[in-house]
């Protein structure tokens, strides 16, 4: 069950937010690289989980350490 006040984003909204193509985002979701879930066969994202994922992964691509 989703708590009241939780912001749920669509694939399109997250693609715009992350400035990536929907195709890239779809691939990442399928690979399990992003926190996501499916609702009626479409990917959905909880904003708070997505923001936490971003914070935890900043610098990993460049090999930086926290």
PDB file of N, CA and C in Angstrom:
ATOM      1  N   UNK A   1       0.835  -1.181   0.000  1.00  0.00           N
ATOM      2  CA  UNK A   1       0.000   0.000   0.000  1.00  0.00           C
ATOM      3  C   UNK A   1       0.878   1.243   0.000  1.00  0.00           C
ATOM      4  N   UNK A   2       0.511   2.222  -0.773  1.00  0.00           N
ATOM      5  CA  UNK A   2       1.264   3.468  -0.862  1.00  0.00           C
ATOM      6  C   UNK A   2       0.696   4.461   0.138  1.00  0.00           C
ATOM      7  N   UNK A   3       1.603   5.065   0.913  1.00  0.00           N
ATOM      8  CA  UNK A   3       1.193   6.013   1.932  1.00  0.00           C
ATOM      9  C   UNK A   3       0.690   7.311   1.305  1.00  0.00           C
ATOM     10  N   UNK A   4      -0.166   8.002   2.027  1.00  0.00           N
ATOM     11  CA  UNK A   4      -0.659   9.305   1.571  1.00  0.00           C
ATOM     12  C   UNK A   4       0.513  10.274   1.471  1.00  0.00           C
ATOM     13  N   UNK A   5       0.501  11.101   0.456  1.00  0.00           N
ATOM     14  CA  UNK A   5       1.542  12.096   0.273  1.00  0.00           C
ATOM     15  C   UNK A   5       2.753  11.617  -0.505  1.00  0.00           C
ATOM     16  N   UNK A   6       2.787  10.330  -0.866  1.00  0.00           N
ATOM     17  CA  UNK A   6       3.898   9.798  -1.644  1.00  0.00           C
ATOM     18  C   UNK A   6       3.697  10.198  -3.096  1.00  0.00           C
ATOM     19  N   UNK A   7       4.730  10.768  -3.697  1.00  0.00           N
ATOM     20  CA  UNK A   7       4.647  11.219  -5.083  1.00  0.00           C
ATOM     21  C   UNK A   7       5.107  10.088  -6.002  1.00  0.00           C
ATOM     22  N   UNK A   8       4.225   9.665  -6.886  1.00  0.00           N
ATOM     23  CA  UNK A   8       4.518   8.607  -7.847  1.00  0.00           C
ATOM     24  C   UNK A   8       4.707   9.249  -9.220  1.00  0.00           C
ATOM     25  N   UNK A   9       5.818   8.922  -9.879  1.00  0.00           N
ATOM     26  CA  UNK A   9       6.154   9.500 -11.168  1.00  0.00           C
ATOM     27  C   UNK A   9       6.059   8.458 -12.285  1.00  0.00           C
ATOM     28  N   UNK A  10       5.717   8.922 -13.471  1.00  0.00           N
ATOM     29  CA  UNK A  10       5.675   8.062 -14.650  1.00  0.00           C
ATOM     30  C   UNK A  10       7.055   8.002 -15.292  1.00  0.00           C
ATOM     31  N   UNK A  11       7.217   7.081 -16.212  1.00  0.00           N
ATOM     32  CA  UNK A  11       8.461   6.938 -16.958  1.00  0.00           C
ATOM     33  C   UNK A  11       8.815   8.251 -17.660  1.00  0.00           C
ATOM     34  N   UNK A  12       7.842   8.874 -18.276  1.00  0.00           N
ATOM     35  CA  UNK A  12       8.078  10.126 -18.995  1.00  0.00           C
ATOM     36  C   UNK A  12       8.554  11.235 -18.056  1.00  0.00           C
ATOM     37  N   UNK A  13       7.917  11.367 -16.891  1.00  0.00           N
ATOM     38  CA  UNK A  13       8.305  12.409 -15.929  1.00  0.00           C
ATOM     39  C   UNK A  13       9.732  12.183 -15.426  1.00  0.00           C
ATOM     40  N   UNK A  14      10.080  10.920 -15.155  1.00  0.00           N
ATOM     41  CA  UNK A  14      11.421  10.613 -14.655  1.00  0.00           C
ATOM     42  C   UNK A  14      12.464  10.822 -15.755  1.00  0.00           C
ATOM     43  N   UNK A  15      12.142  10.474 -16.990  1.00  0.00           N
ATOM     44  CA  UNK A  15      13.065  10.712 -18.104  1.00  0.00           C
ATOM     45  C   UNK A  15      13.373  12.206 -18.213  1.00  0.00           C
ATOM     46  N   UNK A  16      12.356  13.038 -18.097  1.00  0.00           N
ATOM     47  CA  UNK A  16      12.568  14.486 -18.127  1.00  0.00           C
ATOM     48  C   UNK A  16      13.380  14.948 -16.920  1.00  0.00           C
ATOM     49  N   UNK A  17      13.078  14.413 -15.754  1.00  0.00           N
ATOM     50  CA  UNK A  17      13.761  14.785 -14.517  1.00  0.00           C
ATOM     51  C   UNK A  17      15.250  14.444 -14.582  1.00  0.00           C
ATOM     52  N   UNK A  18      15.566  13.247 -15.093  1.00  0.00           N
ATOM     53  CA  UNK A  18      16.957  12.799 -15.169  1.00  0.00           C
ATOM     54  C   UNK A  18      17.652  13.237 -16.456  1.00  0.00           C
ATOM     55  N   UNK A  19      16.879  13.799 -17.371  1.00  0.00           N
ATOM     56  CA  UNK A  19      17.404  14.251 -18.664  1.00  0.00           C
ATOM     57  C   UNK A  19      18.049  13.108 -19.449  1.00  0.00           C
ATOM     58  N   UNK A  20      17.296  11.998 -19.524  1.00  0.00           N
ATOM     59  CA  UNK A  20      17.684  10.860 -20.338  1.00  0.00           C
ATOM     60  C   UNK A  20      16.499  10.506 -21.225  1.00  0.00           C
ATOM     61  N   UNK A  21      16.741   9.695 -22.242  1.00  0.00           N
ATOM     62  CA  UNK A  21      15.646   9.282 -23.103  1.00  0.00           C
ATOM     63  C   UNK A  21      14.781   8.264 -22.373  1.00  0.00           C
ATOM     64  N   UNK A  22      13.544   8.151 -22.803  1.00  0.00           N
ATOM     65  CA  UNK A  22      12.646   7.151 -22.216  1.00  0.00           C
ATOM     66  C   UNK A  22      13.195   5.752 -22.470  1.00  0.00           C
ATOM     67  N   UNK A  23      13.828   5.566 -23.609  1.00  0.00           N
ATOM     68  CA  UNK A  23      14.404   4.257 -23.950  1.00  0.00           C
ATOM     69  C   UNK A  23      15.501   3.874 -22.948  1.00  0.00           C
ATOM     70  N   UNK A  24      16.378   4.831 -22.628  1.00  0.00           N
ATOM     71  CA  UNK A  24      17.434   4.583 -21.641  1.00  0.00           C
ATOM     72  C   UNK A  24      16.839   4.269 -20.282  1.00  0.00           C
ATOM     73  N   UNK A  25      15.860   5.032 -19.885  1.00  0.00           N
ATOM     74  CA  UNK A  25      15.215   4.829 -18.594  1.00  0.00           C
ATOM     75  C   UNK A  25      14.511   3.475 -18.537  1.00  0.00           C
ATOM     76  N   UNK A  26      13.858   3.095 -19.619  1.00  0.00           N
ATOM     77  CA  UNK A  26      13.178   1.802 -19.693  1.00  0.00           C
ATOM     78  C   UNK A  26      14.190   0.670 -19.523  1.00  0.00           C
ATOM     79  N   UNK A  27      15.347   0.800 -20.193  1.00  0.00           N
ATOM     80  CA  UNK A  27      16.389  -0.224 -20.085  1.00  0.00           C
ATOM     81  C   UNK A  27      16.893  -0.321 -18.645  1.00  0.00           C
ATOM     82  N   UNK A  28      17.162   0.825 -18.020  1.00  0.00           N
ATOM     83  CA  UNK A  28      17.639   0.822 -16.635  1.00  0.00           C
ATOM     84  C   UNK A  28      16.613   0.202 -15.685  1.00  0.00           C
ATOM     85  N   UNK A  29      15.340   0.496 -15.911  1.00  0.00           N
ATOM     86  CA  UNK A  29      14.277  -0.079 -15.084  1.00  0.00           C
ATOM     87  C   UNK A  29      14.231  -1.599 -15.264  1.00  0.00           C
ATOM     88  N   UNK A  30      14.323  -2.063 -16.504  1.00  0.00           N
ATOM     89  CA  UNK A  30      14.294  -3.504 -16.772  1.00  0.00           C
ATOM     90  C   UNK A  30      15.477  -4.226 -16.133  1.00  0.00           C
ATOM     91  N   UNK A  31      16.637  -3.556 -16.122  1.00  0.00           N
ATOM     92  CA  UNK A  31      17.842  -4.141 -15.540  1.00  0.00           C
ATOM     93  C   UNK A  31      17.823  -4.118 -14.010  1.00  0.00           C
ATOM     94  N   UNK A  32      16.877  -3.395 -13.426  1.00  0.00           N
ATOM     95  CA  UNK A  32      16.811  -3.279 -11.979  1.00  0.00           C
ATOM     96  C   UNK A  32      17.803  -2.267 -11.421  1.00  0.00           C
ATOM     97  N   UNK A  33      18.305  -1.387 -12.291  1.00  0.00           N
ATOM     98  CA  UNK A  33      19.295  -0.398 -11.871  1.00  0.00           C
ATOM     99  C   UNK A  33      18.665   0.772 -11.133  1.00  0.00           C
ATOM    100  N   UNK A  34      17.358   0.921 -11.219  1.00  0.00           N
ATOM    101  CA  UNK A  34      16.636   2.017 -10.572  1.00  0.00           C
ATOM    102  C   UNK A  34      15.566   1.456  -9.649  1.00  0.00           C
ATOM    103  N   UNK A  35      15.231   2.185  -8.570  1.00  0.00           N
ATOM    104  CA  UNK A  35      14.117   1.756  -7.723  1.00  0.00           C
ATOM    105  C   UNK A  35      12.798   2.046  -8.448  1.00  0.00           C
ATOM    106  N   UNK A  36      12.078   1.018  -8.812  1.00  0.00           N
ATOM    107  CA  UNK A  36      10.860   1.168  -9.588  1.00  0.00           C
ATOM    108  C   UNK A  36       9.889   0.033  -9.292  1.00  0.00           C
ATOM    109  N   UNK A  37       8.685   0.175  -9.765  1.00  0.00           N
ATOM    110  CA  UNK A  37       7.701  -0.903  -9.675  1.00  0.00           C
ATOM    111  C   UNK A  37       6.764  -0.767 -10.864  1.00  0.00           C
ATOM    112  N   UNK A  38       6.052  -1.838 -11.145  1.00  0.00           N
ATOM    113  CA  UNK A  38       5.096  -1.805 -12.246  1.00  0.00           C
ATOM    114  C   UNK A  38       3.683  -1.689 -11.701  1.00  0.00           C
ATOM    115  N   UNK A  39       2.894  -0.862 -12.361  1.00  0.00           N
ATOM    116  CA  UNK A  39       1.490  -0.687 -12.030  1.00  0.00           C
ATOM    117  C   UNK A  39       0.707  -0.842 -13.324  1.00  0.00           C
ATOM    118  N   UNK A  40      -0.115  -1.846 -13.395  1.00  0.00           N
ATOM    119  CA  UNK A  40      -0.904  -2.157 -14.588  1.00  0.00           C
ATOM    120  C   UNK A  40       0.015  -2.227 -15.814  1.00  0.00           C
ATOM    121  N   UNK A  41       1.166  -2.869 -15.642  1.00  0.00           N
ATOM    122  CA  UNK A  41       2.085  -3.097 -16.753  1.00  0.00           C
ATOM    123  C   UNK A  41       2.955  -1.927 -17.156  1.00  0.00           C
ATOM    124  N   UNK A  42       2.919  -0.821 -16.408  1.00  0.00           N
ATOM    125  CA  UNK A  42       3.770   0.320 -16.740  1.00  0.00           C
ATOM    126  C   UNK A  42       4.666   0.666 -15.558  1.00  0.00           C
ATOM    127  N   UNK A  43       5.872   1.128 -15.857  1.00  0.00           N
ATOM    128  CA  UNK A  43       6.828   1.481 -14.823  1.00  0.00           C
ATOM    129  C   UNK A  43       6.386   2.728 -14.074  1.00  0.00           C
ATOM    130  N   UNK A  44       6.562   2.709 -12.757  1.00  0.00           N
ATOM    131  CA  UNK A  44       6.286   3.847 -11.891  1.00  0.00           C
ATOM    132  C   UNK A  44       7.453   3.995 -10.922  1.00  0.00           C
ATOM    133  N   UNK A  45       7.648   5.215 -10.453  1.00  0.00           N
ATOM    134  CA  UNK A  45       8.773   5.539  -9.584  1.00  0.00           C
ATOM    135  C   UNK A  45       8.285   6.371  -8.414  1.00  0.00           C
ATOM    136  N   UNK A  46       8.762   6.053  -7.217  1.00  0.00           N
ATOM    137  CA  UNK A  46       8.477   6.884  -6.050  1.00  0.00           C
ATOM    138  C   UNK A  46       9.546   7.972  -6.000  1.00  0.00           C
ATOM    139  N   UNK A  47       9.114   9.230  -5.955  1.00  0.00           N
ATOM    140  CA  UNK A  47      10.062  10.351  -6.007  1.00  0.00           C
ATOM    141  C   UNK A  47      11.108  10.255  -4.897  1.00  0.00           C
ATOM    142  N   UNK A  48      10.698   9.946  -3.670  1.00  0.00           N
ATOM    143  CA  UNK A  48      11.660   9.896  -2.570  1.00  0.00           C
ATOM    144  C   UNK A  48      12.705   8.808  -2.778  1.00  0.00           C
ATOM    145  N   UNK A  49      12.305   7.641  -3.298  1.00  0.00           N
ATOM    146  CA  UNK A  49      13.257   6.556  -3.560  1.00  0.00           C
ATOM    147  C   UNK A  49      14.201   6.929  -4.698  1.00  0.00           C
ATOM    148  N   UNK A  50      13.685   7.596  -5.709  1.00  0.00           N
ATOM    149  CA  UNK A  50      14.503   8.023  -6.834  1.00  0.00           C
ATOM    150  C   UNK A  50      15.545   9.048  -6.376  1.00  0.00           C
ATOM    151  N   UNK A  51      15.127  10.015  -5.566  1.00  0.00           N
ATOM    152  CA  UNK A  51      16.065  11.015  -5.059  1.00  0.00           C
ATOM    153  C   UNK A  51      17.134  10.381  -4.173  1.00  0.00           C
ATOM    154  N   UNK A  52      16.751   9.392  -3.377  1.00  0.00           N
ATOM    155  CA  UNK A  52      17.718   8.680  -2.539  1.00  0.00           C
ATOM    156  C   UNK A  52      18.706   7.928  -3.419  1.00  0.00           C
ATOM    157  N   UNK A  53      18.216   7.284  -4.484  1.00  0.00           N
ATOM    158  CA  UNK A  53      19.076   6.564  -5.420  1.00  0.00           C
ATOM    159  C   UNK A  53      20.078   7.517  -6.061  1.00  0.00           C
ATOM    160  N   UNK A  54      19.618   8.704  -6.459  1.00  0.00           N
ATOM    161  CA  UNK A  54      20.506   9.700  -7.065  1.00  0.00           C
ATOM    162  C   UNK A  54      21.604  10.074  -6.075  1.00  0.00           C
ATOM    163  N   UNK A  55      21.231  10.389  -4.845  1.00  0.00           N
ATOM    164  CA  UNK A  55      22.195  10.783  -3.816  1.00  0.00           C
ATOM    165  C   UNK A  55      23.226   9.686  -3.580  1.00  0.00           C
ATOM    166  N   UNK A  56      22.780   8.436  -3.507  1.00  0.00           N
ATOM    167  CA  UNK A  56      23.680   7.315  -3.243  1.00  0.00           C
ATOM    168  C   UNK A  56      24.604   7.013  -4.414  1.00  0.00           C
ATOM    169  N   UNK A  57      24.206   7.383  -5.618  1.00  0.00           N
ATOM    170  CA  UNK A  57      24.981   7.019  -6.802  1.00  0.00           C
ATOM    171  C   UNK A  57      25.786   8.155  -7.411  1.00  0.00           C
ATOM    172  N   UNK A  58      25.721   9.340  -6.834  1.00  0.00           N
ATOM    173  CA  UNK A  58      26.528  10.456  -7.330  1.00  0.00           C
ATOM    174  C   UNK A  58      28.007  10.087  -7.192  1.00  0.00           C
ATOM    175  N   UNK A  59      28.724  10.194  -8.271  1.00  0.00           N
ATOM    176  CA  UNK A  59      30.159   9.926  -8.251  1.00  0.00           C
ATOM    177  C   UNK A  59      30.545   8.507  -8.584  1.00  0.00           C
ATOM    178  N   UNK A  60      29.639   7.544  -8.498  1.00  0.00           N
ATOM    179  CA  UNK A  60      29.982   6.158  -8.779  1.00  0.00           C
ATOM    180  C   UNK A  60      30.419   5.960 -10.226  1.00  0.00           C
ATOM    181  N   UNK A  61      29.799   6.679 -11.142  1.00  0.00           N
ATOM    182  CA  UNK A  61      30.139   6.565 -12.559  1.00  0.00           C
ATOM    183  C   UNK A  61      31.571   7.030 -12.812  1.00  0.00           C
ATOM    184  N   UNK A  62      32.020   7.985 -12.040  1.00  0.00           N
ATOM    185  CA  UNK A  62      33.360   8.552 -12.236  1.00  0.00           C
ATOM    186  C   UNK A  62      34.397   7.894 -11.341  1.00  0.00           C
ATOM    187  N   UNK A  63      33.985   6.911 -10.567  1.00  0.00           N
ATOM    188  CA  UNK A  63      34.927   6.220  -9.693  1.00  0.00           C
ATOM    189  C   UNK A  63      35.253   6.969  -8.416  1.00  0.00           C
ATOM    190  N   UNK A  64      34.460   7.974  -8.072  1.00  0.00           N
ATOM    191  CA  UNK A  64      34.704   8.726  -6.844  1.00  0.00           C
ATOM    192  C   UNK A  64      34.227   7.909  -5.651  1.00  0.00           C
ATOM    193  N   UNK A  65      34.796   8.186  -4.515  1.00  0.00           N
ATOM    194  CA  UNK A  65      34.416   7.494  -3.276  1.00  0.00           C
ATOM    195  C   UNK A  65      33.763   8.493  -2.333  1.00  0.00           C
ATOM    196  N   UNK A  66      32.750   8.037  -1.580  1.00  0.00           N
ATOM    197  CA  UNK A  66      32.070   8.942  -0.633  1.00  0.00           C
ATOM    198  C   UNK A  66      32.962   9.408   0.474  1.00  0.00           C
TER     199      UNK A  66
END
